[in-house]
Amino acid sequence: MKRKSEISYVLGVLDGDGFTDGRGTLGLETVSEDFAVKFSSFLGRIGLNPTIGDREDKKAVWASSLNFCEWLRDMGYEEKFRWLKEEGDLWKYIEGAYDSDGDLSHPGPRICSYD
């Protein structure tokens, strides 16, 4: 279960503020070096080989895994949350989304108001 917990955290970060590029690369850009190191650590724990670098005034963390990115893409939104509830760790997912200052809204059109 530990590895599934760590995957859940990575999914939360990716949904919150991370990215996948469609070519097997996933990652994050952040102003927080501590968060970059934490995310990198979780990527390493799930068997990826992350790199941390500087990009403008941010820390960039990225790793490559076609298998992981395809698994994530093929799973889709509804199936991902079913996996999180049945096999993963919802609390770790929420922690990842929270750490990345992200939100948990459904993909698709929405109206946002920023003050």
PDB file of N, CA and C in Angstrom:
ATOM      1  N   MET A   1       0.828  -1.207   0.000  1.00  0.00           N
ATOM      2  CA  MET A   1       0.000   0.000   0.000  1.00  0.00           C
ATOM      3  C   MET A   1       0.862   1.257   0.000  1.00  0.00           C
ATOM      4  N   LYS A   2       2.086   1.179   0.512  1.00  0.00           N
ATOM      5  CA  LYS A   2       2.921   2.373   0.591  1.00  0.00           C
ATOM      6  C   LYS A   2       3.139   2.990  -0.783  1.00  0.00           C
ATOM      7  N   ARG A   3       3.462   2.175  -1.757  1.00  0.00           N
ATOM      8  CA  ARG A   3       3.716   2.703  -3.096  1.00  0.00           C
ATOM      9  C   ARG A   3       2.456   3.348  -3.674  1.00  0.00           C
ATOM     10  N   LYS A   4       1.297   2.763  -3.432  1.00  0.00           N
ATOM     11  CA  LYS A   4       0.049   3.348  -3.920  1.00  0.00           C
ATOM     12  C   LYS A   4      -0.228   4.680  -3.237  1.00  0.00           C
ATOM     13  N   SER A   5       0.167   4.801  -1.982  1.00  0.00           N
ATOM     14  CA  SER A   5       0.031   6.062  -1.267  1.00  0.00           C
ATOM     15  C   SER A   5       0.905   7.141  -1.913  1.00  0.00           C
ATOM     16  N   GLU A   6       2.106   6.757  -2.286  1.00  0.00           N
ATOM     17  CA  GLU A   6       3.019   7.715  -2.915  1.00  0.00           C
ATOM     18  C   GLU A   6       2.554   8.085  -4.323  1.00  0.00           C
ATOM     19  N   ILE A   7       2.004   7.118  -5.057  1.00  0.00           N
ATOM     20  CA  ILE A   7       1.422   7.420  -6.369  1.00  0.00           C
ATOM     21  C   ILE A   7       0.261   8.395  -6.197  1.00  0.00           C
ATOM     22  N   SER A   8      -0.541   8.202  -5.162  1.00  0.00           N
ATOM     23  CA  SER A   8      -1.672   9.093  -4.900  1.00  0.00           C
ATOM     24  C   SER A   8      -1.198  10.522  -4.676  1.00  0.00           C
ATOM     25  N   TYR A   9      -0.108  10.693  -3.935  1.00  0.00           N
ATOM     26  CA  TYR A   9       0.445  12.029  -3.716  1.00  0.00           C
ATOM     27  C   TYR A   9       0.873  12.650  -5.045  1.00  0.00           C
ATOM     28  N   VAL A  10       1.570  11.891  -5.872  1.00  0.00           N
ATOM     29  CA  VAL A  10       2.023  12.387  -7.178  1.00  0.00           C
ATOM     30  C   VAL A  10       0.823  12.793  -8.033  1.00  0.00           C
ATOM     31  N   LEU A  11      -0.233  11.991  -8.035  1.00  0.00           N
ATOM     32  CA  LEU A  11      -1.434  12.337  -8.793  1.00  0.00           C
ATOM     33  C   LEU A  11      -2.032  13.651  -8.304  1.00  0.00           C
ATOM     34  N   GLY A  12      -2.041  13.857  -6.990  1.00  0.00           N
ATOM     35  CA  GLY A  12      -2.557  15.108  -6.435  1.00  0.00           C
ATOM     36  C   GLY A  12      -1.754  16.308  -6.893  1.00  0.00           C
ATOM     37  N   VAL A  13      -0.437  16.175  -6.878  1.00  0.00           N
ATOM     38  CA  VAL A  13       0.420  17.273  -7.338  1.00  0.00           C
ATOM     39  C   VAL A  13       0.185  17.541  -8.819  1.00  0.00           C
ATOM     40  N   LEU A  14       0.141  16.489  -9.620  1.00  0.00           N
ATOM     41  CA  LEU A  14      -0.064  16.673 -11.059  1.00  0.00           C
ATOM     42  C   LEU A  14      -1.404  17.337 -11.342  1.00  0.00           C
ATOM     43  N   ASP A  15      -2.449  16.944 -10.626  1.00  0.00           N
ATOM     44  CA  ASP A  15      -3.753  17.572 -10.825  1.00  0.00           C
ATOM     45  C   ASP A  15      -3.778  18.993 -10.281  1.00  0.00           C
ATOM     46  N   GLY A  16      -3.023  19.241  -9.220  1.00  0.00           N
ATOM     47  CA  GLY A  16      -3.030  20.561  -8.607  1.00  0.00           C
ATOM     48  C   GLY A  16      -2.288  21.605  -9.413  1.00  0.00           C
ATOM     49  N   ASP A  17      -1.045  21.321  -9.760  1.00  0.00           N
ATOM     50  CA  ASP A  17      -0.240  22.340 -10.433  1.00  0.00           C
ATOM     51  C   ASP A  17       0.838  21.737 -11.320  1.00  0.00           C
ATOM     52  N   GLY A  18       0.808  20.440 -11.513  1.00  0.00           N
ATOM     53  CA  GLY A  18       1.841  19.781 -12.304  1.00  0.00           C
ATOM     54  C   GLY A  18       1.445  19.676 -13.764  1.00  0.00           C
ATOM     55  N   PHE A  19       2.217  18.889 -14.497  1.00  0.00           N
ATOM     56  CA  PHE A  19       1.930  18.728 -15.921  1.00  0.00           C
ATOM     57  C   PHE A  19       2.393  17.363 -16.413  1.00  0.00           C
ATOM     58  N   THR A  20       1.772  16.920 -17.480  1.00  0.00           N
ATOM     59  CA  THR A  20       2.286  15.841 -18.323  1.00  0.00           C
ATOM     60  C   THR A  20       2.253  16.404 -19.736  1.00  0.00           C
ATOM     61  N   ASP A  21       3.212  16.005 -20.563  1.00  0.00           N
ATOM     62  CA  ASP A  21       3.319  16.650 -21.877  1.00  0.00           C
ATOM     63  C   ASP A  21       2.878  15.783 -23.049  1.00  0.00           C
ATOM     64  N   GLY A  22       2.362  14.606 -22.799  1.00  0.00           N
ATOM     65  CA  GLY A  22       1.929  13.748 -23.885  1.00  0.00           C
ATOM     66  C   GLY A  22       3.047  12.941 -24.523  1.00  0.00           C
ATOM     67  N   ARG A  23       4.283  13.188 -24.107  1.00  0.00           N
ATOM     68  CA  ARG A  23       5.429  12.437 -24.631  1.00  0.00           C
ATOM     69  C   ARG A  23       6.128  11.645 -23.531  1.00  0.00           C
ATOM     70  N   GLY A  24       5.461  11.515 -22.384  1.00  0.00           N
ATOM     71  CA  GLY A  24       6.017  10.711 -21.308  1.00  0.00           C
ATOM     72  C   GLY A  24       6.758  11.487 -20.243  1.00  0.00           C
ATOM     73  N   THR A  25       6.687  12.808 -20.287  1.00  0.00           N
ATOM     74  CA  THR A  25       7.338  13.624 -19.265  1.00  0.00           C
ATOM     75  C   THR A  25       6.279  14.191 -18.332  1.00  0.00           C
ATOM     76  N   LEU A  26       6.571  14.156 -17.037  1.00  0.00           N
ATOM     77  CA  LEU A  26       5.691  14.761 -16.051  1.00  0.00           C
ATOM     78  C   LEU A  26       6.528  15.623 -15.134  1.00  0.00           C
ATOM     79  N   GLY A  27       5.903  16.618 -14.537  1.00  0.00           N
ATOM     80  CA  GLY A  27       6.686  17.476 -13.672  1.00  0.00           C
ATOM     81  C   GLY A  27       5.909  18.609 -13.057  1.00  0.00           C
ATOM     82  N   LEU A  28       6.690  19.570 -12.565  1.00  0.00           N
ATOM     83  CA  LEU A  28       6.153  20.673 -11.789  1.00  0.00           C
ATOM     84  C   LEU A  28       7.151  21.818 -11.815  1.00  0.00           C
ATOM     85  N   GLU A  29       6.648  23.041 -11.821  1.00  0.00           N
ATOM     86  CA  GLU A  29       7.467  24.225 -11.585  1.00  0.00           C
ATOM     87  C   GLU A  29       6.904  24.919 -10.359  1.00  0.00           C
ATOM     88  N   THR A  30       7.782  25.314  -9.442  1.00  0.00           N
ATOM     89  CA  THR A  30       7.345  25.913  -8.189  1.00  0.00           C
ATOM     90  C   THR A  30       8.381  26.913  -7.689  1.00  0.00           C
ATOM     91  N   VAL A  31       7.927  27.870  -6.891  1.00  0.00           N
ATOM     92  CA  VAL A  31       8.860  28.808  -6.268  1.00  0.00           C
ATOM     93  C   VAL A  31       9.426  28.233  -4.973  1.00  0.00           C
ATOM     94  N   SER A  32       8.812  27.164  -4.460  1.00  0.00           N
ATOM     95  CA  SER A  32       9.235  26.567  -3.198  1.00  0.00           C
ATOM     96  C   SER A  32      10.251  25.447  -3.425  1.00  0.00           C
ATOM     97  N   GLU A  33      11.471  25.683  -2.979  1.00  0.00           N
ATOM     98  CA  GLU A  33      12.491  24.642  -3.112  1.00  0.00           C
ATOM     99  C   GLU A  33      12.142  23.418  -2.269  1.00  0.00           C
ATOM    100  N   ASP A  34      11.574  23.636  -1.075  1.00  0.00           N
ATOM    101  CA  ASP A  34      11.180  22.514  -0.219  1.00  0.00           C
ATOM    102  C   ASP A  34      10.147  21.624  -0.910  1.00  0.00           C
ATOM    103  N   PHE A  35       9.167  22.242  -1.564  1.00  0.00           N
ATOM    104  CA  PHE A  35       8.144  21.476  -2.271  1.00  0.00           C
ATOM    105  C   PHE A  35       8.753  20.727  -3.450  1.00  0.00           C
ATOM    106  N   ALA A  36       9.666  21.371  -4.159  1.00  0.00           N
ATOM    107  CA  ALA A  36      10.338  20.711  -5.292  1.00  0.00           C
ATOM    108  C   ALA A  36      11.074  19.463  -4.817  1.00  0.00           C
ATOM    109  N   VAL A  37      11.767  19.570  -3.702  1.00  0.00           N
ATOM    110  CA  VAL A  37      12.512  18.426  -3.156  1.00  0.00           C
ATOM    111  C   VAL A  37      11.543  17.328  -2.706  1.00  0.00           C
ATOM    112  N   LYS A  38      10.438  17.715  -2.069  1.00  0.00           N
ATOM    113  CA  LYS A  38       9.449  16.727  -1.615  1.00  0.00           C
ATOM    114  C   LYS A  38       8.841  15.989  -2.807  1.00  0.00           C
ATOM    115  N   PHE A  39       8.437  16.727  -3.842  1.00  0.00           N
ATOM    116  CA  PHE A  39       7.848  16.097  -5.026  1.00  0.00           C
ATOM    117  C   PHE A  39       8.863  15.178  -5.695  1.00  0.00           C
ATOM    118  N   SER A  40      10.091  15.636  -5.801  1.00  0.00           N
ATOM    119  CA  SER A  40      11.156  14.822  -6.389  1.00  0.00           C
ATOM    120  C   SER A  40      11.334  13.517  -5.609  1.00  0.00           C
ATOM    121  N   SER A  41      11.272  13.616  -4.294  1.00  0.00           N
ATOM    122  CA  SER A  41      11.407  12.436  -3.444  1.00  0.00           C
ATOM    123  C   SER A  41      10.287  11.428  -3.716  1.00  0.00           C
ATOM    124  N   PHE A  42       9.063  11.915  -3.844  1.00  0.00           N
ATOM    125  CA  PHE A  42       7.938  11.020  -4.124  1.00  0.00           C
ATOM    126  C   PHE A  42       8.077  10.382  -5.500  1.00  0.00           C
ATOM    127  N   LEU A  43       8.540  11.142  -6.490  1.00  0.00           N
ATOM    128  CA  LEU A  43       8.764  10.561  -7.818  1.00  0.00           C
ATOM    129  C   LEU A  43       9.794   9.437  -7.737  1.00  0.00           C
ATOM    130  N   GLY A  44      10.860   9.655  -6.975  1.00  0.00           N
ATOM    131  CA  GLY A  44      11.879   8.624  -6.807  1.00  0.00           C
ATOM    132  C   GLY A  44      11.339   7.384  -6.124  1.00  0.00           C
ATOM    133  N   ARG A  45      10.466   7.575  -5.142  1.00  0.00           N
ATOM    134  CA  ARG A  45       9.905   6.443  -4.402  1.00  0.00           C
ATOM    135  C   ARG A  45       8.999   5.564  -5.252  1.00  0.00           C
ATOM    136  N   ILE A  46       8.433   6.133  -6.335  1.00  0.00           N
ATOM    137  CA  ILE A  46       7.575   5.302  -7.193  1.00  0.00           C
ATOM    138  C   ILE A  46       8.354   4.754  -8.388  1.00  0.00           C
ATOM    139  N   GLY A  47       9.670   4.887  -8.329  1.00  0.00           N
ATOM    140  CA  GLY A  47      10.510   4.248  -9.335  1.00  0.00           C
ATOM    141  C   GLY A  47      10.923   5.126 -10.499  1.00  0.00           C
ATOM    142  N   LEU A  48      10.617   6.414 -10.430  1.00  0.00           N
ATOM    143  CA  LEU A  48      11.047   7.324 -11.492  1.00  0.00           C
ATOM    144  C   LEU A  48      12.392   7.928 -11.114  1.00  0.00           C
ATOM    145  N   ASN A  49      13.050   8.549 -12.057  1.00  0.00           N
ATOM    146  CA  ASN A  49      14.363   9.146 -11.837  1.00  0.00           C
ATOM    147  C   ASN A  49      14.255  10.654 -12.074  1.00  0.00           C
ATOM    148  N   PRO A  50      13.784  11.403 -11.056  1.00  0.00           N
ATOM    149  CA  PRO A  50      13.515  12.825 -11.259  1.00  0.00           C
ATOM    150  C   PRO A  50      14.779  13.677 -11.329  1.00  0.00           C
ATOM    151  N   THR A  51      14.628  14.818 -11.960  1.00  0.00           N
ATOM    152  CA  THR A  51      15.677  15.828 -12.042  1.00  0.00           C
ATOM    153  C   THR A  51      15.112  17.132 -11.502  1.00  0.00           C
ATOM    154  N   ILE A  52      15.923  17.866 -10.747  1.00  0.00           N
ATOM    155  CA  ILE A  52      15.545  19.199 -10.273  1.00  0.00           C
ATOM    156  C   ILE A  52      16.483  20.199 -10.922  1.00  0.00           C
ATOM    157  N   GLY A  53      15.911  21.256 -11.459  1.00  0.00           N
ATOM    158  CA  GLY A  53      16.719  22.302 -12.072  1.00  0.00           C
ATOM    159  C   GLY A  53      16.075  23.660 -11.863  1.00  0.00           C
ATOM    160  N   ASP A  54      16.728  24.680 -12.358  1.00  0.00           N
ATOM    161  CA  ASP A  54      16.206  26.040 -12.268  1.00  0.00           C
ATOM    162  C   ASP A  54      15.606  26.438 -13.605  1.00  0.00           C
ATOM    163  N   ARG A  55      14.474  27.116 -13.546  1.00  0.00           N
ATOM    164  CA  ARG A  55      13.822  27.644 -14.740  1.00  0.00           C
ATOM    165  C   ARG A  55      13.315  29.029 -14.381  1.00  0.00           C
ATOM    166  N   GLU A  56      14.000  30.035 -14.913  1.00  0.00           N
ATOM    167  CA  GLU A  56      13.733  31.425 -14.564  1.00  0.00           C
ATOM    168  C   GLU A  56      13.845  31.565 -13.047  1.00  0.00           C
ATOM    169  N   ASP A  57      12.802  32.006 -12.365  1.00  0.00           N
ATOM    170  CA  ASP A  57      12.882  32.185 -10.910  1.00  0.00           C
ATOM    171  C   ASP A  57      12.214  31.039 -10.152  1.00  0.00           C
ATOM    172  N   LYS A  58      12.091  29.882 -10.791  1.00  0.00           N
ATOM    173  CA  LYS A  58      11.417  28.745 -10.172  1.00  0.00           C
ATOM    174  C   LYS A  58      12.304  27.507 -10.173  1.00  0.00           C
ATOM    175  N   LYS A  59      11.917  26.556  -9.341  1.00  0.00           N
ATOM    176  CA  LYS A  59      12.513  25.226  -9.365  1.00  0.00           C
ATOM    177  C   LYS A  59      11.640  24.349 -10.255  1.00  0.00           C
ATOM    178  N   ALA A  60      12.260  23.627 -11.134  1.00  0.00           N
ATOM    179  CA  ALA A  60      11.548  22.708 -12.022  1.00  0.00           C
ATOM    180  C   ALA A  60      11.923  21.285 -11.643  1.00  0.00           C
ATOM    181  N   VAL A  61      10.928  20.434 -11.558  1.00  0.00           N
ATOM    182  CA  VAL A  61      11.124  19.012 -11.270  1.00  0.00           C
ATOM    183  C   VAL A  61      10.466  18.246 -12.407  1.00  0.00           C
ATOM    184  N   TRP A  62      11.190  17.300 -12.985  1.00  0.00           N
ATOM    185  CA  TRP A  62      10.595  16.508 -14.054  1.00  0.00           C
ATOM    186  C   TRP A  62      11.174  15.106 -14.054  1.00  0.00           C
ATOM    187  N   ALA A  63      10.400  14.209 -14.628  1.00  0.00           N
ATOM    188  CA  ALA A  63      10.809  12.812 -14.791  1.00  0.00           C
ATOM    189  C   ALA A  63      10.124  12.293 -16.048  1.00  0.00           C
ATOM    190  N   SER A  64      10.648  11.215 -16.573  1.00  0.00           N
ATOM    191  CA  SER A  64      10.071  10.624 -17.782  1.00  0.00           C
ATOM    192  C   SER A  64       9.620   9.199 -17.513  1.00  0.00           C
ATOM    193  N   SER A  65       8.404   8.914 -17.932  1.00  0.00           N
ATOM    194  CA  SER A  65       7.877   7.552 -17.863  1.00  0.00           C
ATOM    195  C   SER A  65       6.667   7.455 -18.785  1.00  0.00           C
ATOM    196  N   LEU A  66       6.886   6.881 -19.949  1.00  0.00           N
ATOM    197  CA  LEU A  66       5.766   6.672 -20.870  1.00  0.00           C
ATOM    198  C   LEU A  66       4.688   5.812 -20.228  1.00  0.00           C
ATOM    199  N   ASN A  67       5.106   4.765 -19.513  1.00  0.00           N
ATOM    200  CA  ASN A  67       4.134   3.863 -18.880  1.00  0.00           C
ATOM    201  C   ASN A  67       3.251   4.605 -17.885  1.00  0.00           C
ATOM    202  N   PHE A  68       3.853   5.407 -17.010  1.00  0.00           N
ATOM    203  CA  PHE A  68       3.084   6.129 -15.999  1.00  0.00           C
ATOM    204  C   PHE A  68       2.154   7.144 -16.661  1.00  0.00           C
ATOM    205  N   CYS A  69       2.671   7.914 -17.612  1.00  0.00           N
ATOM    206  CA  CYS A  69       1.856   8.941 -18.274  1.00  0.00           C
ATOM    207  C   CYS A  69       0.712   8.327 -19.077  1.00  0.00           C
ATOM    208  N   GLU A  70       0.963   7.203 -19.734  1.00  0.00           N
ATOM    209  CA  GLU A  70      -0.109   6.530 -20.481  1.00  0.00           C
ATOM    210  C   GLU A  70      -1.145   5.945 -19.531  1.00  0.00           C
ATOM    211  N   TRP A  71      -0.692   5.372 -18.411  1.00  0.00           N
ATOM    212  CA  TRP A  71      -1.612   4.847 -17.399  1.00  0.00           C
ATOM    213  C   TRP A  71      -2.517   5.969 -16.900  1.00  0.00           C
ATOM    214  N   LEU A  72      -1.931   7.116 -16.607  1.00  0.00           N
ATOM    215  CA  LEU A  72      -2.694   8.256 -16.117  1.00  0.00           C
ATOM    216  C   LEU A  72      -3.671   8.758 -17.180  1.00  0.00           C
ATOM    217  N   ARG A  73      -3.214   8.895 -18.410  1.00  0.00           N
ATOM    218  CA  ARG A  73      -4.070   9.374 -19.501  1.00  0.00           C
ATOM    219  C   ARG A  73      -5.228   8.407 -19.759  1.00  0.00           C
ATOM    220  N   ASP A  74      -4.912   7.120 -19.817  1.00  0.00           N
ATOM    221  CA  ASP A  74      -5.932   6.118 -20.122  1.00  0.00           C
ATOM    222  C   ASP A  74      -6.961   5.968 -19.007  1.00  0.00           C
ATOM    223  N   MET A  75      -6.571   6.304 -17.791  1.00  0.00           N
ATOM    224  CA  MET A  75      -7.461   6.128 -16.658  1.00  0.00           C
ATOM    225  C   MET A  75      -8.630   7.110 -16.712  1.00  0.00           C
ATOM    226  N   GLY A  76      -8.411   8.323 -17.106  1.00  0.00           N
ATOM    227  CA  GLY A  76      -9.487   9.307 -17.138  1.00  0.00           C
ATOM    228  C   GLY A  76      -9.870   9.782 -15.746  1.00  0.00           C
ATOM    229  N   TYR A  77     -10.705  10.791 -15.713  1.00  0.00           N
ATOM    230  CA  TYR A  77     -11.079  11.471 -14.468  1.00  0.00           C
ATOM    231  C   TYR A  77     -11.851  10.565 -13.513  1.00  0.00           C
ATOM    232  N   GLU A  78     -12.949   9.992 -13.986  1.00  0.00           N
ATOM    233  CA  GLU A  78     -13.809   9.183 -13.110  1.00  0.00           C
ATOM    234  C   GLU A  78     -13.086   7.942 -12.601  1.00  0.00           C
ATOM    235  N   GLU A  79     -12.375   7.267 -13.491  1.00  0.00           N
ATOM    236  CA  GLU A  79     -11.670   6.051 -13.087  1.00  0.00           C
ATOM    237  C   GLU A  79     -10.541   6.359 -12.107  1.00  0.00           C
ATOM    238  N   LYS A  80      -9.903   7.520 -12.272  1.00  0.00           N
ATOM    239  CA  LYS A  80      -8.833   7.903 -11.345  1.00  0.00           C
ATOM    240  C   LYS A  80      -9.380   8.018  -9.926  1.00  0.00           C
ATOM    241  N   PHE A  81     -10.525   8.663  -9.766  1.00  0.00           N
ATOM    242  CA  PHE A  81     -11.078   8.814  -8.425  1.00  0.00           C
ATOM    243  C   PHE A  81     -11.604   7.493  -7.876  1.00  0.00           C
ATOM    244  N   ARG A  82     -12.068   6.625  -8.739  1.00  0.00           N
ATOM    245  CA  ARG A  82     -12.452   5.281  -8.288  1.00  0.00           C
ATOM    246  C   ARG A  82     -11.201   4.546  -7.784  1.00  0.00           C
ATOM    247  N   TRP A  83     -10.080   4.649  -8.527  1.00  0.00           N
ATOM    248  CA  TRP A  83      -8.825   4.018  -8.112  1.00  0.00           C
ATOM    249  C   TRP A  83      -8.365   4.592  -6.773  1.00  0.00           C
ATOM    250  N   LEU A  84      -8.451   5.912  -6.634  1.00  0.00           N
ATOM    251  CA  LEU A  84      -8.023   6.544  -5.385  1.00  0.00           C
ATOM    252  C   LEU A  84      -8.855   6.049  -4.201  1.00  0.00           C
ATOM    253  N   LYS A  85     -10.152   5.904  -4.377  1.00  0.00           N
ATOM    254  CA  LYS A  85     -11.026   5.445  -3.295  1.00  0.00           C
ATOM    255  C   LYS A  85     -10.820   3.975  -2.977  1.00  0.00           C
ATOM    256  N   GLU A  86     -10.620   3.149  -4.000  1.00  0.00           N
ATOM    257  CA  GLU A  86     -10.573   1.704  -3.784  1.00  0.00           C
ATOM    258  C   GLU A  86      -9.172   1.162  -3.526  1.00  0.00           C
ATOM    259  N   GLU A  87      -8.164   1.736  -4.160  1.00  0.00           N
ATOM    260  CA  GLU A  87      -6.807   1.199  -4.047  1.00  0.00           C
ATOM    261  C   GLU A  87      -5.791   2.207  -3.525  1.00  0.00           C
ATOM    262  N   GLY A  88      -5.978   3.439  -3.897  1.00  0.00           N
ATOM    263  CA  GLY A  88      -5.008   4.473  -3.554  1.00  0.00           C
ATOM    264  C   GLY A  88      -5.236   5.033  -2.163  1.00  0.00           C
ATOM    265  N   ASP A  89      -4.866   6.282  -1.995  1.00  0.00           N
ATOM    266  CA  ASP A  89      -4.950   6.961  -0.707  1.00  0.00           C
ATOM    267  C   ASP A  89      -5.469   8.378  -0.953  1.00  0.00           C
ATOM    268  N   LEU A  90      -6.773   8.577  -0.713  1.00  0.00           N
ATOM    269  CA  LEU A  90      -7.372   9.894  -0.963  1.00  0.00           C
ATOM    270  C   LEU A  90      -6.699  11.001  -0.164  1.00  0.00           C
ATOM    271  N   TRP A  91      -6.301  10.702   1.072  1.00  0.00           N
ATOM    272  CA  TRP A  91      -5.666  11.729   1.898  1.00  0.00           C
ATOM    273  C   TRP A  91      -4.331  12.166   1.307  1.00  0.00           C
ATOM    274  N   LYS A  92      -3.567  11.227   0.783  1.00  0.00           N
ATOM    275  CA  LYS A  92      -2.292  11.589   0.145  1.00  0.00           C
ATOM    276  C   LYS A  92      -2.539  12.382  -1.134  1.00  0.00           C
ATOM    277  N   TYR A  93      -3.584  12.026  -1.877  1.00  0.00           N
ATOM    278  CA  TYR A  93      -3.949  12.781  -3.072  1.00  0.00           C
ATOM    279  C   TYR A  93      -4.274  14.233  -2.698  1.00  0.00           C
ATOM    280  N   ILE A  94      -5.095  14.400  -1.662  1.00  0.00           N
ATOM    281  CA  ILE A  94      -5.461  15.745  -1.211  1.00  0.00           C
ATOM    282  C   ILE A  94      -4.229  16.496  -0.731  1.00  0.00           C
ATOM    283  N   GLU A  95      -3.335  15.810  -0.023  1.00  0.00           N
ATOM    284  CA  GLU A  95      -2.089  16.446   0.419  1.00  0.00           C
ATOM    285  C   GLU A  95      -1.290  16.953  -0.781  1.00  0.00           C
ATOM    286  N   GLY A  96      -1.176  16.151  -1.823  1.00  0.00           N
ATOM    287  CA  GLY A  96      -0.450  16.565  -3.022  1.00  0.00           C
ATOM    288  C   GLY A  96      -1.088  17.766  -3.692  1.00  0.00           C
ATOM    289  N   ALA A  97      -2.419  17.748  -3.813  1.00  0.00           N
ATOM    290  CA  ALA A  97      -3.125  18.885  -4.413  1.00  0.00           C
ATOM    291  C   ALA A  97      -2.970  20.129  -3.543  1.00  0.00           C
ATOM    292  N   TYR A  98      -3.050  19.957  -2.229  1.00  0.00           N
ATOM    293  CA  TYR A  98      -2.897  21.080  -1.302  1.00  0.00           C
ATOM    294  C   TYR A  98      -1.480  21.643  -1.360  1.00  0.00           C
ATOM    295  N   ASP A  99      -0.482  20.773  -1.342  1.00  0.00           N
ATOM    296  CA  ASP A  99       0.908  21.229  -1.406  1.00  0.00           C
ATOM    297  C   ASP A  99       1.172  22.047  -2.664  1.00  0.00           C
ATOM    298  N   SER A 100       0.489  21.705  -3.747  1.00  0.00           N
ATOM    299  CA  SER A 100       0.725  22.408  -5.007  1.00  0.00           C
ATOM    300  C   SER A 100      -0.188  23.618  -5.173  1.00  0.00           C
ATOM    301  N   ASP A 101      -0.949  23.944  -4.134  1.00  0.00           N
ATOM    302  CA  ASP A 101      -1.887  25.071  -4.190  1.00  0.00           C
ATOM    303  C   ASP A 101      -2.890  24.906  -5.314  1.00  0.00           C
ATOM    304  N   GLY A 102      -3.236  23.676  -5.612  1.00  0.00           N
ATOM    305  CA  GLY A 102      -4.168  23.408  -6.700  1.00  0.00           C
ATOM    306  C   GLY A 102      -5.603  23.333  -6.221  1.00  0.00           C
ATOM    307  N   ASP A 103      -6.482  22.958  -7.151  1.00  0.00           N
ATOM    308  CA  ASP A 103      -7.878  22.759  -6.800  1.00  0.00           C
ATOM    309  C   ASP A 103      -8.326  21.386  -7.285  1.00  0.00           C
ATOM    310  N   LEU A 104      -9.504  20.992  -6.867  1.00  0.00           N
ATOM    311  CA  LEU A 104     -10.008  19.665  -7.197  1.00  0.00           C
ATOM    312  C   LEU A 104     -11.239  19.746  -8.088  1.00  0.00           C
ATOM    313  N   SER A 105     -11.314  20.752  -8.943  1.00  0.00           N
ATOM    314  CA  SER A 105     -12.491  20.919  -9.788  1.00  0.00           C
ATOM    315  C   SER A 105     -12.473  19.949 -10.962  1.00  0.00           C
ATOM    316  N   HIS A 106     -13.656  19.641 -11.436  1.00  0.00           N
ATOM    317  CA  HIS A 106     -13.821  18.738 -12.579  1.00  0.00           C
ATOM    318  C   HIS A 106     -13.289  19.428 -13.835  1.00  0.00           C
ATOM    319  N   PRO A 107     -12.629  18.682 -14.717  1.00  0.00           N
ATOM    320  CA  PRO A 107     -12.142  19.303 -15.952  1.00  0.00           C
ATOM    321  C   PRO A 107     -13.312  19.745 -16.829  1.00  0.00           C
ATOM    322  N   GLY A 108     -13.089  20.744 -17.604  1.00  0.00           N
ATOM    323  CA  GLY A 108     -14.116  21.239 -18.510  1.00  0.00           C
ATOM    324  C   GLY A 108     -14.369  22.713 -18.281  1.00  0.00           C
ATOM    325  N   PRO A 109     -15.294  23.273 -19.021  1.00  0.00           N
ATOM    326  CA  PRO A 109     -15.556  24.716 -18.914  1.00  0.00           C
ATOM    327  C   PRO A 109     -16.035  25.095 -17.523  1.00  0.00           C
ATOM    328  N   ARG A 110     -15.595  26.250 -17.056  1.00  0.00           N
ATOM    329  CA  ARG A 110     -16.064  26.786 -15.788  1.00  0.00           C
ATOM    330  C   ARG A 110     -15.823  28.285 -15.780  1.00  0.00           C
ATOM    331  N   ILE A 111     -16.548  28.967 -14.946  1.00  0.00           N
ATOM    332  CA  ILE A 111     -16.406  30.413 -14.808  1.00  0.00           C
ATOM    333  C   ILE A 111     -15.654  30.673 -13.518  1.00  0.00           C
ATOM    334  N   CYS A 112     -14.606  31.492 -13.604  1.00  0.00           N
ATOM    335  CA  CYS A 112     -13.796  31.816 -12.434  1.00  0.00           C
ATOM    336  C   CYS A 112     -13.776  33.322 -12.243  1.00  0.00           C
ATOM    337  N   SER A 113     -13.761  33.736 -11.000  1.00  0.00           N
ATOM    338  CA  SER A 113     -13.654  35.154 -10.677  1.00  0.00           C
ATOM    339  C   SER A 113     -12.462  35.335  -9.761  1.00  0.00           C
ATOM    340  N   TYR A 114     -11.547  36.196 -10.147  1.00  0.00           N
ATOM    341  CA  TYR A 114     -10.356  36.458  -9.348  1.00  0.00           C
ATOM    342  C   TYR A 114     -10.368  37.907  -8.908  1.00  0.00           C
ATOM    343  N   ASP A 115     -10.201  38.146  -7.623  1.00  0.00           N
ATOM    344  CA  ASP A 115     -10.157  39.520  -7.104  1.00  0.00           C
ATOM    345  C   ASP A 115      -8.779  40.095  -7.219  1.00  0.00           C
TER     346      ASP A 115
END
